[in-house]
Full PDB file with SEQRES, HELIX, SHEET, SSBOND, CRYST1, ORIGX, SCALE, CONECT and MASTER records, all heavy atoms in Angstrom:
SEQRES   1 A   34  VAL ARG VAL ILE SER ASN PRO VAL VAL LEU GLU ASN LEU          
SEQRES   2 A   34  CYS ARG MET ARG ASP LYS SER THR ASP SER GLN GLY VAL          
SEQRES   3 A   34  ARG ILE ALA THR ARG LYS ILE THR                              
HELIX    1 AA1 PRO A    7  ARG A   17  1                                  11    
HELIX    2 AA2 SER A   23  ILE A   33  1                                  11    
CRYST1    1.000    1.000    1.000  90.00  90.00  90.00 P 1           1          
ORIGX1      1.000000  0.000000  0.000000        0.00000                         
ORIGX2      0.000000  1.000000  0.000000        0.00000                         
ORIGX3      0.000000  0.000000  1.000000        0.00000                         
SCALE1      1.000000  0.000000  0.000000        0.00000                         
SCALE2      0.000000  1.000000  0.000000        0.00000                         
SCALE3      0.000000  0.000000  1.000000        0.00000                         
ATOM      1  N   VAL A   1      29.064  26.861  -8.853  1.00  0.00           N  
ATOM      2  CA  VAL A   1      28.275  25.660  -9.132  1.00  0.00           C  
ATOM      3  C   VAL A   1      27.943  24.990  -7.814  1.00  0.00           C  
ATOM      4  O   VAL A   1      28.828  24.577  -7.068  1.00  0.00           O  
ATOM      5  CB  VAL A   1      29.008  24.689 -10.057  1.00  0.00           C  
ATOM      6  CG1 VAL A   1      28.140  23.476 -10.358  1.00  0.00           C  
ATOM      7  CG2 VAL A   1      29.440  25.373 -11.339  1.00  0.00           C  
ATOM      8  N   ARG A   2      26.647  24.891  -7.511  1.00  0.00           N  
ATOM      9  CA  ARG A   2      26.211  24.284  -6.260  1.00  0.00           C  
ATOM     10  C   ARG A   2      25.629  22.906  -6.557  1.00  0.00           C  
ATOM     11  O   ARG A   2      24.606  22.793  -7.247  1.00  0.00           O  
ATOM     12  CB  ARG A   2      25.169  25.181  -5.601  1.00  0.00           C  
ATOM     13  CG  ARG A   2      24.887  24.796  -4.175  1.00  0.00           C  
ATOM     14  CD  ARG A   2      24.516  25.959  -3.254  1.00  0.00           C  
ATOM     15  NE  ARG A   2      23.797  27.047  -3.853  1.00  0.00           N  
ATOM     16  CZ  ARG A   2      22.564  27.452  -3.463  1.00  0.00           C  
ATOM     17  NH1 ARG A   2      21.944  26.796  -2.513  1.00  0.00           N  
ATOM     18  NH2 ARG A   2      21.994  28.491  -4.018  1.00  0.00           N  
ATOM     19  N   VAL A   3      26.289  21.864  -6.096  1.00  0.00           N  
ATOM     20  CA  VAL A   3      25.829  20.483  -6.300  1.00  0.00           C  
ATOM     21  C   VAL A   3      25.052  20.027  -5.074  1.00  0.00           C  
ATOM     22  O   VAL A   3      25.593  19.970  -3.978  1.00  0.00           O  
ATOM     23  CB  VAL A   3      27.006  19.535  -6.587  1.00  0.00           C  
ATOM     24  CG1 VAL A   3      26.493  18.120  -6.834  1.00  0.00           C  
ATOM     25  CG2 VAL A   3      27.806  20.017  -7.801  1.00  0.00           C  
ATOM     26  N   ILE A   4      23.774  19.697  -5.277  1.00  0.00           N  
ATOM     27  CA  ILE A   4      22.906  19.259  -4.181  1.00  0.00           C  
ATOM     28  C   ILE A   4      22.864  17.732  -4.218  1.00  0.00           C  
ATOM     29  O   ILE A   4      22.297  17.146  -5.131  1.00  0.00           O  
ATOM     30  CB  ILE A   4      21.493  19.843  -4.326  1.00  0.00           C  
ATOM     31  CG1 ILE A   4      21.562  21.373  -4.574  1.00  0.00           C  
ATOM     32  CG2 ILE A   4      20.657  19.530  -3.088  1.00  0.00           C  
ATOM     33  CD1 ILE A   4      22.326  22.141  -3.533  1.00  0.00           C  
ATOM     34  N   SER A   5      23.451  17.099  -3.235  1.00  0.00           N  
ATOM     35  CA  SER A   5      23.598  15.640  -3.290  1.00  0.00           C  
ATOM     36  C   SER A   5      23.135  14.992  -1.991  1.00  0.00           C  
ATOM     37  O   SER A   5      23.838  14.152  -1.436  1.00  0.00           O  
ATOM     38  CB  SER A   5      25.040  15.266  -3.597  1.00  0.00           C  
ATOM     39  OG  SER A   5      25.928  15.803  -2.640  1.00  0.00           O  
ATOM     40  N   ASN A   6      21.971  15.395  -1.491  1.00  0.00           N  
ATOM     41  CA  ASN A   6      21.460  14.729  -0.293  1.00  0.00           C  
ATOM     42  C   ASN A   6      20.910  13.342  -0.671  1.00  0.00           C  
ATOM     43  O   ASN A   6      20.745  13.030  -1.855  1.00  0.00           O  
ATOM     44  CB  ASN A   6      20.398  15.596   0.405  1.00  0.00           C  
ATOM     45  CG  ASN A   6      19.164  15.797  -0.430  1.00  0.00           C  
ATOM     46  OD1 ASN A   6      18.544  14.868  -0.923  1.00  0.00           O  
ATOM     47  ND2 ASN A   6      18.760  17.069  -0.616  1.00  0.00           N  
ATOM     48  N   PRO A   7      20.634  12.470   0.311  1.00  0.00           N  
ATOM     49  CA  PRO A   7      20.199  11.107  -0.006  1.00  0.00           C  
ATOM     50  C   PRO A   7      18.949  11.004  -0.882  1.00  0.00           C  
ATOM     51  O   PRO A   7      18.846  10.122  -1.729  1.00  0.00           O  
ATOM     52  CB  PRO A   7      19.959  10.494   1.380  1.00  0.00           C  
ATOM     53  CG  PRO A   7      20.907  11.233   2.276  1.00  0.00           C  
ATOM     54  CD  PRO A   7      20.903  12.650   1.762  1.00  0.00           C  
ATOM     55  N   VAL A   8      17.993  11.921  -0.713  1.00  0.00           N  
ATOM     56  CA  VAL A   8      16.780  11.896  -1.536  1.00  0.00           C  
ATOM     57  C   VAL A   8      17.135  12.146  -2.997  1.00  0.00           C  
ATOM     58  O   VAL A   8      16.662  11.466  -3.896  1.00  0.00           O  
ATOM     59  CB  VAL A   8      15.756  12.934  -1.025  1.00  0.00           C  
ATOM     60  CG1 VAL A   8      14.578  13.042  -2.003  1.00  0.00           C  
ATOM     61  CG2 VAL A   8      15.280  12.576   0.376  1.00  0.00           C  
ATOM     62  N   VAL A   9      17.998  13.127  -3.230  1.00  0.00           N  
ATOM     63  CA  VAL A   9      18.428  13.427  -4.591  1.00  0.00           C  
ATOM     64  C   VAL A   9      19.181  12.244  -5.185  1.00  0.00           C  
ATOM     65  O   VAL A   9      18.929  11.848  -6.326  1.00  0.00           O  
ATOM     66  CB  VAL A   9      19.302  14.702  -4.614  1.00  0.00           C  
ATOM     67  CG1 VAL A   9      19.973  14.878  -5.972  1.00  0.00           C  
ATOM     68  CG2 VAL A   9      18.471  15.940  -4.282  1.00  0.00           C  
ATOM     69  N   LEU A  10      20.111  11.688  -4.451  1.00  0.00           N  
ATOM     70  CA  LEU A  10      20.921  10.589  -4.984  1.00  0.00           C  
ATOM     71  C   LEU A  10      20.068   9.356  -5.317  1.00  0.00           C  
ATOM     72  O   LEU A  10      20.265   8.730  -6.365  1.00  0.00           O  
ATOM     73  CB  LEU A  10      21.997  10.213  -3.958  1.00  0.00           C  
ATOM     74  CG  LEU A  10      23.082  11.274  -3.718  1.00  0.00           C  
ATOM     75  CD1 LEU A  10      24.006  10.836  -2.591  1.00  0.00           C  
ATOM     76  CD2 LEU A  10      23.879  11.529  -4.987  1.00  0.00           C  
ATOM     77  N   GLU A  11      19.103   9.040  -4.454  1.00  0.00           N  
ATOM     78  CA  GLU A  11      18.251   7.889  -4.734  1.00  0.00           C  
ATOM     79  C   GLU A  11      17.443   8.098  -6.009  1.00  0.00           C  
ATOM     80  O   GLU A  11      17.320   7.195  -6.861  1.00  0.00           O  
ATOM     81  CB  GLU A  11      17.297   7.647  -3.565  1.00  0.00           C  
ATOM     82  CG  GLU A  11      16.367   6.468  -3.789  1.00  0.00           C  
ATOM     83  CD  GLU A  11      15.416   6.216  -2.619  1.00  0.00           C  
ATOM     84  OE1 GLU A  11      15.349   7.052  -1.722  1.00  0.00           O  
ATOM     85  OE2 GLU A  11      14.753   5.180  -2.648  1.00  0.00           O  
ATOM     86  N   ASN A  12      16.905   9.297  -6.173  1.00  0.00           N  
ATOM     87  CA  ASN A  12      16.076   9.563  -7.357  1.00  0.00           C  
ATOM     88  C   ASN A  12      16.899   9.757  -8.620  1.00  0.00           C  
ATOM     89  O   ASN A  12      16.407   9.492  -9.718  1.00  0.00           O  
ATOM     90  CB  ASN A  12      15.154  10.738  -7.082  1.00  0.00           C  
ATOM     91  CG  ASN A  12      13.993  10.352  -6.187  1.00  0.00           C  
ATOM     92  OD1 ASN A  12      13.036   9.733  -6.630  1.00  0.00           O  
ATOM     93  ND2 ASN A  12      14.097  10.704  -4.909  1.00  0.00           N  
ATOM     94  N   LEU A  13      18.141  10.186  -8.484  1.00  0.00           N  
ATOM     95  CA  LEU A  13      19.029  10.201  -9.640  1.00  0.00           C  
ATOM     96  C   LEU A  13      19.233   8.783 -10.186  1.00  0.00           C  
ATOM     97  O   LEU A  13      19.228   8.558 -11.387  1.00  0.00           O  
ATOM     98  CB  LEU A  13      20.391  10.800  -9.249  1.00  0.00           C  
ATOM     99  CG  LEU A  13      20.565  12.303  -9.416  1.00  0.00           C  
ATOM    100  CD1 LEU A  13      21.921  12.732  -8.833  1.00  0.00           C  
ATOM    101  CD2 LEU A  13      20.480  12.730 -10.878  1.00  0.00           C  
ATOM    102  N   CYS A  14      19.410   7.842  -9.270  1.00  0.00           N  
ATOM    103  CA  CYS A  14      19.580   6.448  -9.694  1.00  0.00           C  
ATOM    104  C   CYS A  14      18.346   5.974 -10.472  1.00  0.00           C  
ATOM    105  O   CYS A  14      18.452   5.322 -11.519  1.00  0.00           O  
ATOM    106  CB  CYS A  14      19.797   5.550  -8.483  1.00  0.00           C  
ATOM    107  SG  CYS A  14      21.418   5.724  -7.704  1.00  0.00           S  
ATOM    108  N   ARG A  15      17.174   6.339  -9.982  1.00  0.00           N  
ATOM    109  CA  ARG A  15      15.936   5.878 -10.634  1.00  0.00           C  
ATOM    110  C   ARG A  15      15.763   6.509 -12.011  1.00  0.00           C  
ATOM    111  O   ARG A  15      15.391   5.825 -12.962  1.00  0.00           O  
ATOM    112  CB  ARG A  15      14.734   6.217  -9.747  1.00  0.00           C  
ATOM    113  CG  ARG A  15      14.655   5.396  -8.476  1.00  0.00           C  
ATOM    114  CD  ARG A  15      13.459   5.792  -7.633  1.00  0.00           C  
ATOM    115  NE  ARG A  15      13.414   4.979  -6.392  1.00  0.00           N  
ATOM    116  CZ  ARG A  15      12.554   5.187  -5.421  1.00  0.00           C  
ATOM    117  NH1 ARG A  15      11.672   6.166  -5.512  1.00  0.00           N  
ATOM    118  NH2 ARG A  15      12.575   4.436  -4.328  1.00  0.00           N  
ATOM    119  N   MET A  16      16.027   7.798 -12.120  1.00  0.00           N  
ATOM    120  CA  MET A  16      15.795   8.441 -13.417  1.00  0.00           C  
ATOM    121  C   MET A  16      16.849   8.069 -14.444  1.00  0.00           C  
ATOM    122  O   MET A  16      16.586   8.075 -15.640  1.00  0.00           O  
ATOM    123  CB  MET A  16      15.684   9.962 -13.268  1.00  0.00           C  
ATOM    124  CG  MET A  16      16.965  10.653 -12.866  1.00  0.00           C  
ATOM    125  SD  MET A  16      16.740  12.451 -12.733  1.00  0.00           S  
ATOM    126  CE  MET A  16      16.698  12.910 -14.476  1.00  0.00           C  
ATOM    127  N   ARG A  17      18.048   7.703 -14.001  1.00  0.00           N  
ATOM    128  CA  ARG A  17      19.108   7.295 -14.930  1.00  0.00           C  
ATOM    129  C   ARG A  17      18.900   5.870 -15.445  1.00  0.00           C  
ATOM    130  O   ARG A  17      19.250   5.568 -16.585  1.00  0.00           O  
ATOM    131  CB  ARG A  17      20.463   7.358 -14.221  1.00  0.00           C  
ATOM    132  CG  ARG A  17      20.998   8.752 -13.933  1.00  0.00           C  
ATOM    133  CD  ARG A  17      22.363   8.566 -13.292  1.00  0.00           C  
ATOM    134  NE  ARG A  17      22.973   9.735 -12.732  1.00  0.00           N  
ATOM    135  CZ  ARG A  17      23.775  10.574 -13.379  1.00  0.00           C  
ATOM    136  NH1 ARG A  17      23.994  10.386 -14.676  1.00  0.00           N  
ATOM    137  NH2 ARG A  17      24.343  11.577 -12.772  1.00  0.00           N  
ATOM    138  N   ASP A  18      18.353   5.011 -14.599  1.00  0.00           N  
ATOM    139  CA  ASP A  18      18.249   3.584 -14.926  1.00  0.00           C  
ATOM    140  C   ASP A  18      17.421   3.392 -16.206  1.00  0.00           C  
ATOM    141  O   ASP A  18      16.277   3.832 -16.288  1.00  0.00           O  
ATOM    142  CB  ASP A  18      17.587   2.865 -13.746  1.00  0.00           C  
ATOM    143  CG  ASP A  18      17.688   1.347 -13.859  1.00  0.00           C  
ATOM    144  OD1 ASP A  18      17.734   0.833 -14.993  1.00  0.00           O  
ATOM    145  OD2 ASP A  18      17.695   0.679 -12.812  1.00  0.00           O  
ATOM    146  N   LYS A  19      17.999   2.714 -17.186  1.00  0.00           N  
ATOM    147  CA  LYS A  19      17.300   2.541 -18.458  1.00  0.00           C  
ATOM    148  C   LYS A  19      16.042   1.690 -18.334  1.00  0.00           C  
ATOM    149  O   LYS A  19      15.169   1.732 -19.224  1.00  0.00           O  
ATOM    150  CB  LYS A  19      18.229   1.927 -19.498  1.00  0.00           C  
ATOM    151  CG  LYS A  19      18.637   0.495 -19.206  1.00  0.00           C  
ATOM    152  CD  LYS A  19      19.541  -0.031 -20.342  1.00  0.00           C  
ATOM    153  CE  LYS A  19      19.906  -1.498 -20.131  1.00  0.00           C  
ATOM    154  NZ  LYS A  19      20.754  -2.011 -21.227  1.00  0.00           N  
ATOM    155  N   SER A  20      15.898   0.938 -17.235  1.00  0.00           N  
ATOM    156  CA  SER A  20      14.711   0.108 -17.048  1.00  0.00           C  
ATOM    157  C   SER A  20      13.559   0.877 -16.403  1.00  0.00           C  
ATOM    158  O   SER A  20      12.442   0.360 -16.334  1.00  0.00           O  
ATOM    159  CB  SER A  20      15.047  -1.117 -16.191  1.00  0.00           C  
ATOM    160  OG  SER A  20      15.404  -0.734 -14.873  1.00  0.00           O  
ATOM    161  N   THR A  21      13.791   2.089 -15.959  1.00  0.00           N  
ATOM    162  CA  THR A  21      12.719   2.901 -15.355  1.00  0.00           C  
ATOM    163  C   THR A  21      11.806   3.435 -16.456  1.00  0.00           C  
ATOM    164  O   THR A  21      12.271   4.016 -17.424  1.00  0.00           O  
ATOM    165  CB  THR A  21      13.303   4.078 -14.553  1.00  0.00           C  
ATOM    166  OG1 THR A  21      14.202   3.571 -13.564  1.00  0.00           O  
ATOM    167  CG2 THR A  21      12.205   4.889 -13.873  1.00  0.00           C  
ATOM    168  N   ASP A  22      10.506   3.226 -16.296  1.00  0.00           N  
ATOM    169  CA  ASP A  22       9.567   3.704 -17.317  1.00  0.00           C  
ATOM    170  C   ASP A  22       9.359   5.209 -17.188  1.00  0.00           C  
ATOM    171  O   ASP A  22       9.861   5.858 -16.262  1.00  0.00           O  
ATOM    172  CB  ASP A  22       8.240   2.943 -17.244  1.00  0.00           C  
ATOM    173  CG  ASP A  22       7.489   3.162 -15.930  1.00  0.00           C  
ATOM    174  OD1 ASP A  22       7.843   4.075 -15.152  1.00  0.00           O  
ATOM    175  OD2 ASP A  22       6.543   2.387 -15.672  1.00  0.00           O  
ATOM    176  N   SER A  23       8.595   5.788 -18.121  1.00  0.00           N  
ATOM    177  CA  SER A  23       8.431   7.233 -18.165  1.00  0.00           C  
ATOM    178  C   SER A  23       7.774   7.782 -16.909  1.00  0.00           C  
ATOM    179  O   SER A  23       8.163   8.847 -16.409  1.00  0.00           O  
ATOM    180  CB  SER A  23       7.594   7.636 -19.386  1.00  0.00           C  
ATOM    181  OG  SER A  23       8.312   7.419 -20.575  1.00  0.00           O  
ATOM    182  N   GLN A  24       6.793   7.066 -16.387  1.00  0.00           N  
ATOM    183  CA  GLN A  24       6.160   7.530 -15.154  1.00  0.00           C  
ATOM    184  C   GLN A  24       7.175   7.566 -14.009  1.00  0.00           C  
ATOM    185  O   GLN A  24       7.207   8.534 -13.228  1.00  0.00           O  
ATOM    186  CB  GLN A  24       4.974   6.626 -14.765  1.00  0.00           C  
ATOM    187  CG  GLN A  24       4.257   7.116 -13.515  1.00  0.00           C  
ATOM    188  CD  GLN A  24       3.081   6.210 -13.148  1.00  0.00           C  
ATOM    189  OE1 GLN A  24       2.958   5.106 -13.651  1.00  0.00           O  
ATOM    190  NE2 GLN A  24       2.246   6.665 -12.243  1.00  0.00           N  
ATOM    191  N   GLY A  25       8.012   6.535 -13.915  1.00  0.00           N  
ATOM    192  CA  GLY A  25       9.035   6.506 -12.883  1.00  0.00           C  
ATOM    193  C   GLY A  25      10.046   7.618 -13.028  1.00  0.00           C  
ATOM    194  O   GLY A  25      10.498   8.229 -12.049  1.00  0.00           O  
ATOM    195  N   VAL A  26      10.418   7.904 -14.298  1.00  0.00           N  
ATOM    196  CA  VAL A  26      11.364   9.015 -14.555  1.00  0.00           C  
ATOM    197  C   VAL A  26      10.738  10.331 -14.136  1.00  0.00           C  
ATOM    198  O   VAL A  26      11.392  11.165 -13.518  1.00  0.00           O  
ATOM    199  CB  VAL A  26      11.748   9.036 -16.049  1.00  0.00           C  
ATOM    200  CG1 VAL A  26      12.550  10.300 -16.368  1.00  0.00           C  
ATOM    201  CG2 VAL A  26      12.583   7.806 -16.397  1.00  0.00           C  
ATOM    202  N   ARG A  27       9.453  10.547 -14.464  1.00  0.00           N  
ATOM    203  CA  ARG A  27       8.793  11.788 -14.115  1.00  0.00           C  
ATOM    204  C   ARG A  27       8.728  11.987 -12.608  1.00  0.00           C  
ATOM    205  O   ARG A  27       8.968  13.076 -12.086  1.00  0.00           O  
ATOM    206  CB  ARG A  27       7.388  11.846 -14.721  1.00  0.00           C  
ATOM    207  CG  ARG A  27       7.368  12.055 -16.219  1.00  0.00           C  
ATOM    208  CD  ARG A  27       5.986  12.426 -16.700  1.00  0.00           C  
ATOM    209  NE  ARG A  27       5.030  11.336 -16.529  1.00  0.00           N  
ATOM    210  CZ  ARG A  27       4.820  10.370 -17.408  1.00  0.00           C  
ATOM    211  NH1 ARG A  27       5.497  10.360 -18.535  1.00  0.00           N  
ATOM    212  NH2 ARG A  27       3.919   9.437 -17.184  1.00  0.00           N  
ATOM    213  N   ILE A  28       8.371  10.918 -11.902  1.00  0.00           N  
ATOM    214  CA  ILE A  28       8.258  11.024 -10.441  1.00  0.00           C  
ATOM    215  C   ILE A  28       9.624  11.334  -9.811  1.00  0.00           C  
ATOM    216  O   ILE A  28       9.747  12.220  -8.961  1.00  0.00           O  
ATOM    217  CB  ILE A  28       7.702   9.695  -9.843  1.00  0.00           C  
ATOM    218  CG1 ILE A  28       6.234   9.547 -10.250  1.00  0.00           C  
ATOM    219  CG2 ILE A  28       7.830   9.698  -8.322  1.00  0.00           C  
ATOM    220  CD1 ILE A  28       5.645   8.173  -9.930  1.00  0.00           C  
ATOM    221  N   ALA A  29      10.652  10.640 -10.259  1.00  0.00           N  
ATOM    222  CA  ALA A  29      12.007  10.884  -9.724  1.00  0.00           C  
ATOM    223  C   ALA A  29      12.477  12.296 -10.045  1.00  0.00           C  
ATOM    224  O   ALA A  29      13.063  12.986  -9.202  1.00  0.00           O  
ATOM    225  CB  ALA A  29      12.982   9.849 -10.302  1.00  0.00           C  
ATOM    226  N   THR A  30      12.187  12.745 -11.284  1.00  0.00           N  
ATOM    227  CA  THR A  30      12.604  14.078 -11.694  1.00  0.00           C  
ATOM    228  C   THR A  30      11.939  15.151 -10.850  1.00  0.00           C  
ATOM    229  O   THR A  30      12.567  16.120 -10.434  1.00  0.00           O  
ATOM    230  CB  THR A  30      12.260  14.303 -13.186  1.00  0.00           C  
ATOM    231  OG1 THR A  30      12.905  13.291 -13.971  1.00  0.00           O  
ATOM    232  CG2 THR A  30      12.735  15.665 -13.647  1.00  0.00           C  
ATOM    233  N   ARG A  31      10.649  14.980 -10.572  1.00  0.00           N  
ATOM    234  CA  ARG A  31       9.926  15.955  -9.758  1.00  0.00           C  
ATOM    235  C   ARG A  31      10.475  16.022  -8.336  1.00  0.00           C  
ATOM    236  O   ARG A  31      10.583  17.113  -7.732  1.00  0.00           O  
ATOM    237  CB  ARG A  31       8.441  15.644  -9.731  1.00  0.00           C  
ATOM    238  CG  ARG A  31       7.755  15.909 -11.064  1.00  0.00           C  
ATOM    239  CD  ARG A  31       6.235  15.877 -10.905  1.00  0.00           C  
ATOM    240  NE  ARG A  31       5.583  16.186 -12.168  1.00  0.00           N  
ATOM    241  CZ  ARG A  31       4.948  15.288 -12.930  1.00  0.00           C  
ATOM    242  NH1 ARG A  31       4.908  14.035 -12.540  1.00  0.00           N  
ATOM    243  NH2 ARG A  31       4.382  15.653 -14.058  1.00  0.00           N  
ATOM    244  N   LYS A  32      10.840  14.890  -7.784  1.00  0.00           N  
ATOM    245  CA  LYS A  32      11.409  14.889  -6.422  1.00  0.00           C  
ATOM    246  C   LYS A  32      12.725  15.621  -6.374  1.00  0.00           C  
ATOM    247  O   LYS A  32      12.990  16.406  -5.453  1.00  0.00           O  
ATOM    248  CB  LYS A  32      11.563  13.439  -5.924  1.00  0.00           C  
ATOM    249  CG  LYS A  32      10.231  12.759  -5.637  1.00  0.00           C  
ATOM    250  CD  LYS A  32      10.444  11.324  -5.152  1.00  0.00           C  
ATOM    251  CE  LYS A  32       9.119  10.649  -4.848  1.00  0.00           C  
ATOM    252  NZ  LYS A  32       9.301   9.247  -4.372  1.00  0.00           N  
ATOM    253  N   ILE A  33      13.565  15.403  -7.386  1.00  0.00           N  
ATOM    254  CA  ILE A  33      14.846  16.105  -7.442  1.00  0.00           C  
ATOM    255  C   ILE A  33      14.600  17.598  -7.649  1.00  0.00           C  
ATOM    256  O   ILE A  33      15.244  18.452  -7.021  1.00  0.00           O  
ATOM    257  CB  ILE A  33      15.720  15.543  -8.577  1.00  0.00           C  
ATOM    258  CG1 ILE A  33      16.071  14.081  -8.298  1.00  0.00           C  
ATOM    259  CG2 ILE A  33      16.995  16.370  -8.728  1.00  0.00           C  
ATOM    260  CD1 ILE A  33      16.720  13.372  -9.461  1.00  0.00           C  
ATOM    261  N   THR A  34      13.674  17.906  -8.545  1.00  0.00           N  
ATOM    262  CA  THR A  34      13.353  19.301  -8.841  1.00  0.00           C  
ATOM    263  C   THR A  34      12.965  20.072  -7.579  1.00  0.00           C  
ATOM    264  O   THR A  34      13.393  21.207  -7.367  1.00  0.00           O  
ATOM    265  CB  THR A  34      12.190  19.364  -9.857  1.00  0.00           C  
ATOM    266  OG1 THR A  34      12.632  18.822 -11.098  1.00  0.00           O  
ATOM    267  CG2 THR A  34      11.702  20.780 -10.072  1.00  0.00           C  
TER     268      THR A  34                                                      
MASTER        0    0    0    2    0    0    0    6  267    1    0    3          
END                                                                             
């Protein structure tokens, strides 16, 4: 299991998890992590 946890990933994980982030924000964060 390889966990990729660089600062870009961690920042966008916070955004996509946050319940106040709208769908567009979730999509953008998800694509960056992807």
